[in-house]
C-alpha cells in the first residue's frame, strides 16, 4: 500500500487523505493556511485554543512551517517606468 503521509516539519504534515493534501497541523484537520488566517484576523493564541482546540506549540508549528516555506524566497521588482 502506498503511503500518502509526509511530515514536513515538527507538527505539520501532509496527508493526501485529509484536506486534499494541504499542509495541516498534525493530529487535526486544520490547515496551516487556516491557522495563519485566524492570526491575521486578530485572534489570540488563547482564542484559537478555545475555539479550535489547538495548543500554542501547534500554532507555532504552523507559523514555523510558513516561515520555512518563504525562507530564501526572492522577489524581483521591476524598475518603475515613467509615463
N, C-alpha and C. Protein backbone atom coordinates (compact mmCIF):
# COMPACT_ATOMS: atom_id res chain seq x y z
N UNK A 1 0.84 -1.18 0.00
CA UNK A 1 0.00 0.00 0.00
C UNK A 1 0.88 1.24 0.00
N UNK A 2 0.57 2.17 -0.86
CA UNK A 2 1.33 3.40 -0.99
C UNK A 2 1.04 4.34 0.18
N UNK A 3 2.09 4.98 0.70
CA UNK A 3 1.92 5.90 1.82
C UNK A 3 1.66 7.30 1.29
N UNK A 4 0.65 7.93 1.84
CA UNK A 4 0.27 9.27 1.40
C UNK A 4 0.50 10.30 2.49
N UNK A 5 1.33 9.98 3.46
CA UNK A 5 1.56 10.83 4.61
C UNK A 5 3.01 11.29 4.60
N UNK A 6 3.23 12.58 4.89
CA UNK A 6 4.59 13.09 4.97
C UNK A 6 4.66 14.17 6.02
N UNK A 7 5.62 14.05 6.94
CA UNK A 7 5.83 15.09 7.94
C UNK A 7 6.72 16.15 7.31
N UNK A 8 6.25 17.39 7.29
CA UNK A 8 7.01 18.48 6.68
C UNK A 8 7.94 19.13 7.68
N UNK A 9 7.41 19.47 8.83
CA UNK A 9 8.19 19.99 9.94
C UNK A 9 7.57 19.41 11.20
N UNK A 10 8.17 19.65 12.34
CA UNK A 10 7.58 19.18 13.58
C UNK A 10 6.21 19.81 13.73
N UNK A 11 5.20 19.00 13.73
CA UNK A 11 3.85 19.49 13.95
C UNK A 11 3.04 19.78 12.71
N UNK A 12 3.65 19.73 11.52
CA UNK A 12 2.92 19.98 10.28
C UNK A 12 3.14 18.81 9.33
N UNK A 13 2.04 18.29 8.79
CA UNK A 13 2.11 17.12 7.92
C UNK A 13 1.24 17.33 6.68
N UNK A 14 1.50 16.48 5.70
CA UNK A 14 0.62 16.38 4.55
C UNK A 14 0.10 14.95 4.52
N UNK A 15 -1.19 14.81 4.43
CA UNK A 15 -1.83 13.51 4.28
C UNK A 15 -2.81 13.67 3.12
N UNK A 16 -2.56 12.98 2.02
CA UNK A 16 -3.39 13.15 0.84
C UNK A 16 -4.85 12.80 1.09
N UNK A 17 -5.12 12.10 2.19
CA UNK A 17 -6.49 11.73 2.53
C UNK A 17 -7.20 12.79 3.39
N UNK A 18 -6.49 13.83 3.77
CA UNK A 18 -7.06 14.88 4.60
C UNK A 18 -6.87 16.22 3.92
N UNK A 19 -7.95 16.94 3.72
CA UNK A 19 -7.95 18.30 3.19
C UNK A 19 -7.21 18.41 1.85
N UNK A 20 -7.35 17.39 1.03
CA UNK A 20 -6.78 17.37 -0.32
C UNK A 20 -5.26 17.52 -0.34
N UNK A 21 -4.61 17.10 0.73
CA UNK A 21 -3.15 17.12 0.77
C UNK A 21 -2.54 18.46 1.13
N UNK A 22 -3.35 19.39 1.62
CA UNK A 22 -2.79 20.67 2.08
C UNK A 22 -2.04 20.44 3.39
N UNK A 23 -1.03 21.26 3.68
CA UNK A 23 -0.33 21.13 4.96
C UNK A 23 -1.30 21.38 6.12
N UNK A 24 -1.34 20.44 7.06
CA UNK A 24 -2.23 20.55 8.22
C UNK A 24 -1.43 20.44 9.51
N UNK A 25 -2.02 20.94 10.58
CA UNK A 25 -1.43 20.77 11.90
C UNK A 25 -1.64 19.31 12.28
N UNK A 26 -0.56 18.65 12.64
CA UNK A 26 -0.60 17.22 12.93
C UNK A 26 -1.66 16.92 13.99
N UNK A 27 -2.45 15.87 13.74
CA UNK A 27 -3.47 15.46 14.68
C UNK A 27 -4.79 16.22 14.55
N UNK A 28 -4.86 17.12 13.56
CA UNK A 28 -6.08 17.90 13.34
C UNK A 28 -6.43 17.87 11.86
N UNK A 29 -7.50 18.53 11.51
CA UNK A 29 -7.86 18.74 10.11
C UNK A 29 -7.70 20.21 9.74
N UNK A 30 -7.07 20.99 10.61
CA UNK A 30 -6.87 22.42 10.37
C UNK A 30 -5.63 22.65 9.52
N UNK A 31 -5.79 23.41 8.44
CA UNK A 31 -4.66 23.70 7.57
C UNK A 31 -3.81 24.83 8.15
N UNK A 32 -2.56 24.85 7.71
CA UNK A 32 -1.66 25.95 8.09
C UNK A 32 -2.28 27.27 7.62
N UNK A 33 -2.85 27.27 6.45
CA UNK A 33 -3.49 28.45 5.90
C UNK A 33 -4.58 28.98 6.83
N UNK A 34 -5.39 28.08 7.37
CA UNK A 34 -6.46 28.50 8.29
C UNK A 34 -5.89 29.09 9.57
N UNK A 35 -4.87 28.46 10.12
CA UNK A 35 -4.26 28.96 11.35
C UNK A 35 -3.69 30.36 11.13
N UNK A 36 -3.00 30.56 10.01
CA UNK A 36 -2.47 31.88 9.71
C UNK A 36 -3.60 32.89 9.53
N UNK A 37 -4.69 32.46 8.93
CA UNK A 37 -5.85 33.33 8.77
C UNK A 37 -6.44 33.74 10.11
N UNK A 38 -6.51 32.79 11.06
CA UNK A 38 -7.00 33.12 12.40
C UNK A 38 -6.15 34.22 13.02
N UNK A 39 -4.83 34.04 12.91
CA UNK A 39 -3.91 35.02 13.49
C UNK A 39 -4.01 36.37 12.77
N UNK A 40 -4.10 36.33 11.45
CA UNK A 40 -4.18 37.56 10.66
C UNK A 40 -5.47 38.33 10.97
N UNK A 41 -6.52 37.61 11.35
CA UNK A 41 -7.79 38.28 11.67
C UNK A 41 -7.78 38.89 13.06
N UNK A 42 -6.69 38.64 13.80
CA UNK A 42 -6.57 39.25 15.12
C UNK A 42 -6.84 38.32 16.29
N UNK A 43 -7.12 37.04 16.01
CA UNK A 43 -7.35 36.10 17.10
C UNK A 43 -6.06 35.90 17.89
N UNK A 44 -6.19 35.74 19.19
CA UNK A 44 -5.04 35.45 20.04
C UNK A 44 -4.83 33.95 20.12
N UNK A 45 -3.68 33.55 20.64
CA UNK A 45 -3.42 32.13 20.82
C UNK A 45 -4.50 31.51 21.71
N UNK A 46 -4.87 32.22 22.77
CA UNK A 46 -5.88 31.70 23.69
C UNK A 46 -7.23 31.52 23.00
N UNK A 47 -7.60 32.47 22.16
CA UNK A 47 -8.87 32.36 21.43
C UNK A 47 -8.86 31.17 20.48
N UNK A 48 -7.74 30.99 19.79
CA UNK A 48 -7.63 29.86 18.86
C UNK A 48 -7.68 28.54 19.64
N UNK A 49 -7.02 28.51 20.79
CA UNK A 49 -7.04 27.31 21.62
C UNK A 49 -8.47 26.98 22.07
N UNK A 50 -9.20 28.00 22.54
CA UNK A 50 -10.57 27.77 23.00
C UNK A 50 -11.50 27.38 21.84
N UNK A 51 -11.38 28.07 20.72
CA UNK A 51 -12.31 27.88 19.60
C UNK A 51 -12.02 26.60 18.81
N UNK A 52 -10.72 26.30 18.60
CA UNK A 52 -10.36 25.20 17.71
C UNK A 52 -9.57 24.07 18.37
N UNK A 53 -9.24 24.22 19.65
CA UNK A 53 -8.57 23.15 20.37
C UNK A 53 -7.08 23.01 20.07
N UNK A 54 -6.49 24.00 19.42
CA UNK A 54 -5.04 23.94 19.15
C UNK A 54 -4.26 24.42 20.36
N UNK A 55 -3.09 23.86 20.55
CA UNK A 55 -2.20 24.32 21.61
C UNK A 55 -1.25 25.37 21.05
N UNK A 56 -0.60 26.09 21.94
CA UNK A 56 0.37 27.09 21.48
C UNK A 56 1.47 26.45 20.64
N UNK A 57 2.04 25.30 21.03
CA UNK A 57 3.06 24.68 20.18
C UNK A 57 2.54 24.33 18.78
N UNK A 58 1.28 23.93 18.67
CA UNK A 58 0.71 23.63 17.35
C UNK A 58 0.59 24.90 16.51
N UNK A 59 0.19 26.00 17.13
CA UNK A 59 0.08 27.27 16.40
C UNK A 59 1.46 27.72 15.94
N UNK A 60 2.43 27.61 16.84
CA UNK A 60 3.81 27.99 16.50
C UNK A 60 4.35 27.10 15.38
N UNK A 61 3.98 25.83 15.37
CA UNK A 61 4.42 24.93 14.31
C UNK A 61 3.89 25.39 12.96
N UNK A 62 2.63 25.86 12.92
CA UNK A 62 2.06 26.37 11.67
C UNK A 62 2.80 27.61 11.20
N UNK A 63 3.10 28.50 12.13
CA UNK A 63 3.85 29.71 11.79
C UNK A 63 5.25 29.34 11.31
N UNK A 64 5.88 28.39 11.99
CA UNK A 64 7.22 27.95 11.60
C UNK A 64 7.25 27.34 10.22
N UNK A 65 6.22 26.56 9.89
CA UNK A 65 6.14 25.98 8.55
C UNK A 65 6.04 27.09 7.50
N UNK A 66 5.19 28.07 7.75
CA UNK A 66 5.03 29.18 6.80
C UNK A 66 6.33 29.95 6.64
N UNK A 67 7.02 30.19 7.75
CA UNK A 67 8.30 30.90 7.68
C UNK A 67 9.33 30.10 6.88
N UNK A 68 9.38 28.79 7.10
CA UNK A 68 10.32 27.93 6.36
C UNK A 68 9.97 27.90 4.88
N UNK A 69 8.68 27.94 4.57
CA UNK A 69 8.22 27.92 3.18
C UNK A 69 8.75 29.14 2.43
N UNK A 70 8.77 30.29 3.10
CA UNK A 70 9.21 31.52 2.44
C UNK A 70 10.69 31.83 2.63
N UNK A 71 11.38 31.03 3.42
CA UNK A 71 12.81 31.25 3.63
C UNK A 71 13.55 31.18 2.30
N UNK A 72 14.32 32.20 2.01
CA UNK A 72 15.10 32.22 0.78
C UNK A 72 14.30 32.65 -0.44
N UNK A 73 13.03 32.97 -0.25
CA UNK A 73 12.19 33.42 -1.37
C UNK A 73 12.73 34.76 -1.88
N UNK A 74 12.89 34.85 -3.17
CA UNK A 74 13.36 36.10 -3.77
C UNK A 74 12.23 36.76 -4.53
N UNK A 75 12.15 38.07 -4.40
CA UNK A 75 11.12 38.82 -5.09
C UNK A 75 11.80 39.76 -6.07
N UNK A 76 11.44 39.64 -7.33
CA UNK A 76 12.01 40.51 -8.36
C UNK A 76 11.11 41.72 -8.51
N UNK A 77 11.69 42.89 -8.35
CA UNK A 77 10.93 44.12 -8.51
C UNK A 77 11.46 44.84 -9.73
N UNK A 78 10.56 45.07 -10.65
CA UNK A 78 10.95 45.76 -11.88
C UNK A 78 11.05 47.24 -11.60
N UNK A 79 11.99 47.85 -12.28
CA UNK A 79 12.18 49.28 -12.14
C UNK A 79 10.96 50.00 -12.72
N UNK A 80 10.49 51.00 -12.00
CA UNK A 80 9.32 51.75 -12.45
C UNK A 80 9.65 52.53 -13.72
N UNK A 81 8.71 52.56 -14.62
CA UNK A 81 8.87 53.30 -15.86
C UNK A 81 8.00 54.53 -15.81
N UNK A 82 8.59 55.70 -16.07
CA UNK A 82 7.82 56.95 -16.06
C UNK A 82 6.92 57.00 -17.29
N UNK A 83 5.70 57.42 -17.08
CA UNK A 83 4.76 57.55 -18.20
C UNK A 83 4.32 58.96 -18.39
